[in-house]
Amino acid sequence: MMKKYLMDILCIAIFGLSIPLLVVEKPEISYSTLISNARTAEPEKKKDMTETITRVEKQRVRQYKHIEERNIFSPDGVYRIVKGEAPPPENPYRFIGVLRGKDKRAVFMDYTGEIITLKPGEKLGDGSVIRDIDILSVKLKKGKKETELRIFNLDREKK
């Protein structure tokens, strides 16, 4: 039964929704009076306008206050403040894990708390070069010295 009267219902709905468009008149705006009022504005009105603008700017600053307090792009929510150049510790990186996919990447956390992912052949900040990435370990080479960093420090049985 609904299919039989579907076209009638659509026509009535379209007509009913178009009535406000036919009844409402277009507003008449006199642009000449607006321009002349703007030119002859009193200094007090201009002063009020500048006060309103400064009030809006202060509100805008308050809106971003929580972003200034907590860094939304850092996992721990802290802004890193660098106060001079302190020498890095002896072992500035901690090996966290390995990302396996199209290409393997080693995941490190440096002494400032930043997470770094690197491919074989790329350099760490202390000059060490990633030579090889295994499932649970990474081999680094710094000059002639080679070191292997392991995730769990467990000796796996080699098959």
Protein backbone atom coordinates (compact mmCIF):
# COMPACT_ATOMS: atom_id res chain seq x y z
CA MET A 1 0.00 0.00 0.00
CA MET A 2 2.92 2.30 0.77
CA LYS A 3 4.34 1.82 -2.73
CA LYS A 4 1.03 2.84 -4.25
CA TYR A 5 1.03 6.27 -2.60
CA LEU A 6 4.79 6.90 -2.50
CA MET A 7 4.74 9.46 -5.31
CA ASP A 8 1.87 11.37 -3.70
CA ILE A 9 3.69 11.47 -0.34
CA LEU A 10 6.89 12.77 -1.99
CA CYS A 11 5.01 15.53 -3.83
CA ILE A 12 3.26 16.66 -0.64
CA ALA A 13 6.58 16.62 1.29
CA ILE A 14 8.38 18.66 -1.38
CA PHE A 15 5.52 21.16 -1.56
CA GLY A 16 5.36 21.40 2.24
CA LEU A 17 9.09 22.02 2.52
CA SER A 18 9.10 24.65 -0.24
CA ILE A 19 6.37 26.83 1.35
CA PRO A 20 8.83 28.70 3.65
CA LEU A 21 10.99 29.53 0.63
CA LEU A 22 8.01 31.05 -1.17
CA VAL A 23 6.65 32.97 1.82
CA VAL A 24 9.83 34.49 3.27
CA GLU A 25 10.87 37.82 1.79
CA LYS A 26 14.44 38.79 1.03
CA PRO A 27 15.72 41.27 3.63
CA GLU A 28 16.52 44.74 2.40
CA ILE A 29 19.87 46.05 3.61
CA SER A 30 20.84 49.63 3.00
CA TYR A 31 24.57 49.53 2.47
CA SER A 32 24.86 53.29 2.15
CA THR A 33 23.70 53.82 5.75
CA LEU A 34 26.11 51.16 7.00
CA ILE A 35 29.04 52.82 5.26
CA SER A 36 28.12 56.31 6.44
CA ASN A 37 27.67 55.05 10.03
CA ALA A 38 31.09 53.42 9.92
CA ARG A 39 32.71 56.64 8.72
CA THR A 40 31.08 58.80 11.37
CA ALA A 41 31.57 56.36 14.24
CA GLU A 42 32.31 58.04 17.50
CA PRO A 43 35.72 57.49 19.15
CA GLU A 44 33.96 55.85 22.12
CA LYS A 45 32.55 53.14 19.86
CA LYS A 46 36.01 52.52 18.43
CA LYS A 47 37.37 52.30 21.98
CA ASP A 48 34.65 49.79 22.89
CA MET A 49 35.55 47.78 19.81
CA THR A 50 39.23 47.59 20.80
CA GLU A 51 38.23 46.54 24.33
CA THR A 52 36.03 43.80 22.88
CA ILE A 53 38.87 42.59 20.67
CA THR A 54 41.31 42.44 23.59
CA ARG A 55 38.72 40.57 25.68
CA VAL A 56 38.24 38.03 22.89
CA GLU A 57 42.03 37.62 22.56
CA LYS A 58 42.32 36.96 26.30
CA GLN A 59 39.59 34.31 26.05
CA ARG A 60 41.40 32.69 23.14
CA VAL A 61 44.60 32.53 25.18
CA ARG A 62 42.68 30.90 28.04
CA GLN A 63 41.29 28.26 25.65
CA TYR A 64 44.81 27.05 24.87
CA LYS A 65 46.01 27.17 28.47
CA HIS A 66 45.56 23.40 28.95
CA ILE A 67 47.77 22.72 25.92
CA GLU A 68 50.50 24.88 27.44
CA GLU A 69 50.24 22.93 30.70
CA ARG A 70 50.23 19.42 29.17
CA ASN A 71 52.00 18.42 25.93
CA ILE A 72 49.39 16.48 23.95
CA PHE A 73 52.03 15.11 21.58
CA SER A 74 54.17 13.48 24.26
CA PRO A 75 53.20 10.16 25.89
CA ASP A 76 53.97 11.45 29.37
CA GLY A 77 52.52 14.94 28.70
CA VAL A 78 55.72 16.81 29.57
CA TYR A 79 57.43 19.49 27.54
CA ARG A 80 61.15 18.86 27.22
CA ILE A 81 63.06 21.92 28.38
CA VAL A 82 66.65 21.96 27.26
CA LYS A 83 68.80 23.89 29.71
CA GLY A 84 72.20 24.13 28.13
CA GLU A 85 74.02 21.20 26.62
CA ALA A 86 74.54 18.54 29.25
CA PRO A 87 76.82 15.71 28.14
CA PRO A 88 74.86 12.53 27.38
CA PRO A 89 75.36 9.53 29.65
CA GLU A 90 77.75 6.72 28.72
CA ASN A 91 74.93 4.61 27.28
CA PRO A 92 72.42 7.18 25.97
CA TYR A 93 70.04 4.68 24.34
CA ARG A 94 67.88 1.85 25.63
CA PHE A 95 66.86 -0.86 23.18
CA ILE A 96 63.09 -1.36 23.39
CA GLY A 97 62.10 -3.65 20.54
CA VAL A 98 62.00 -4.53 16.86
CA LEU A 99 59.32 -3.58 14.37
CA ARG A 100 58.97 -6.22 11.69
CA GLY A 101 57.20 -5.54 8.45
CA LYS A 102 58.34 -4.57 4.99
CA ASP A 103 61.67 -3.57 6.51
CA LYS A 104 62.90 -4.21 10.05
CA ARG A 105 63.33 -1.27 12.38
CA ALA A 106 64.94 -1.12 15.80
CA VAL A 107 63.13 0.92 18.45
CA PHE A 108 65.23 2.87 20.97
CA MET A 109 64.49 5.30 23.77
CA ASP A 110 67.14 7.92 24.34
CA TYR A 111 68.11 9.44 27.70
CA THR A 112 65.62 12.32 27.22
CA GLY A 113 62.71 9.90 26.78
CA GLU A 114 62.23 10.26 23.03
CA ILE A 115 61.37 7.18 20.98
CA ILE A 116 63.53 6.60 17.89
CA THR A 117 63.08 3.98 15.15
CA LEU A 118 66.00 3.20 12.83
CA LYS A 119 66.76 0.85 9.92
CA PRO A 120 70.03 -1.02 9.36
CA GLY A 121 72.75 1.39 8.22
CA GLU A 122 71.32 4.40 10.05
CA LYS A 123 73.21 6.19 12.84
CA LEU A 124 72.26 6.75 16.44
CA GLY A 125 73.05 10.11 18.00
CA ASP A 126 76.23 8.84 19.65
CA GLY A 127 77.70 7.74 16.31
CA SER A 128 76.82 4.05 16.51
CA VAL A 129 75.63 2.52 13.26
CA ILE A 130 73.03 -0.24 13.19
CA ARG A 131 74.68 -3.17 11.45
CA ASP A 132 72.01 -5.88 11.77
CA ILE A 133 68.54 -6.31 13.27
CA ASP A 134 67.45 -9.74 14.55
CA ILE A 135 64.15 -10.77 16.18
CA LEU A 136 65.26 -9.91 19.72
CA SER A 137 68.59 -8.14 19.20
CA VAL A 138 70.40 -5.38 17.37
CA LYS A 139 74.08 -5.29 16.44
CA LEU A 140 75.72 -1.87 16.63
CA LYS A 141 79.11 -0.77 15.36
CA LYS A 142 80.89 2.30 16.69
CA GLY A 143 84.30 2.66 15.14
CA LYS A 144 85.96 -0.73 15.55
CA LYS A 145 83.83 -1.71 18.55
CA GLU A 146 80.80 -3.92 17.92
CA THR A 147 78.08 -4.48 20.50
CA GLU A 148 74.88 -6.49 20.55
CA LEU A 149 71.86 -5.18 22.42
CA ARG A 150 69.21 -7.73 23.38
CA ILE A 151 65.64 -7.13 24.50
CA PHE A 152 65.40 -9.68 27.32
CA ASN A 153 69.10 -10.60 27.66
CA LEU A 154 68.16 -14.27 27.33
CA ASP A 155 70.36 -16.75 25.50
CA ARG A 156 68.26 -18.43 22.83
CA GLU A 157 69.01 -21.90 21.62
CA LYS A 158 70.13 -21.77 18.01
CA LYS A 159 68.64 -24.50 15.85
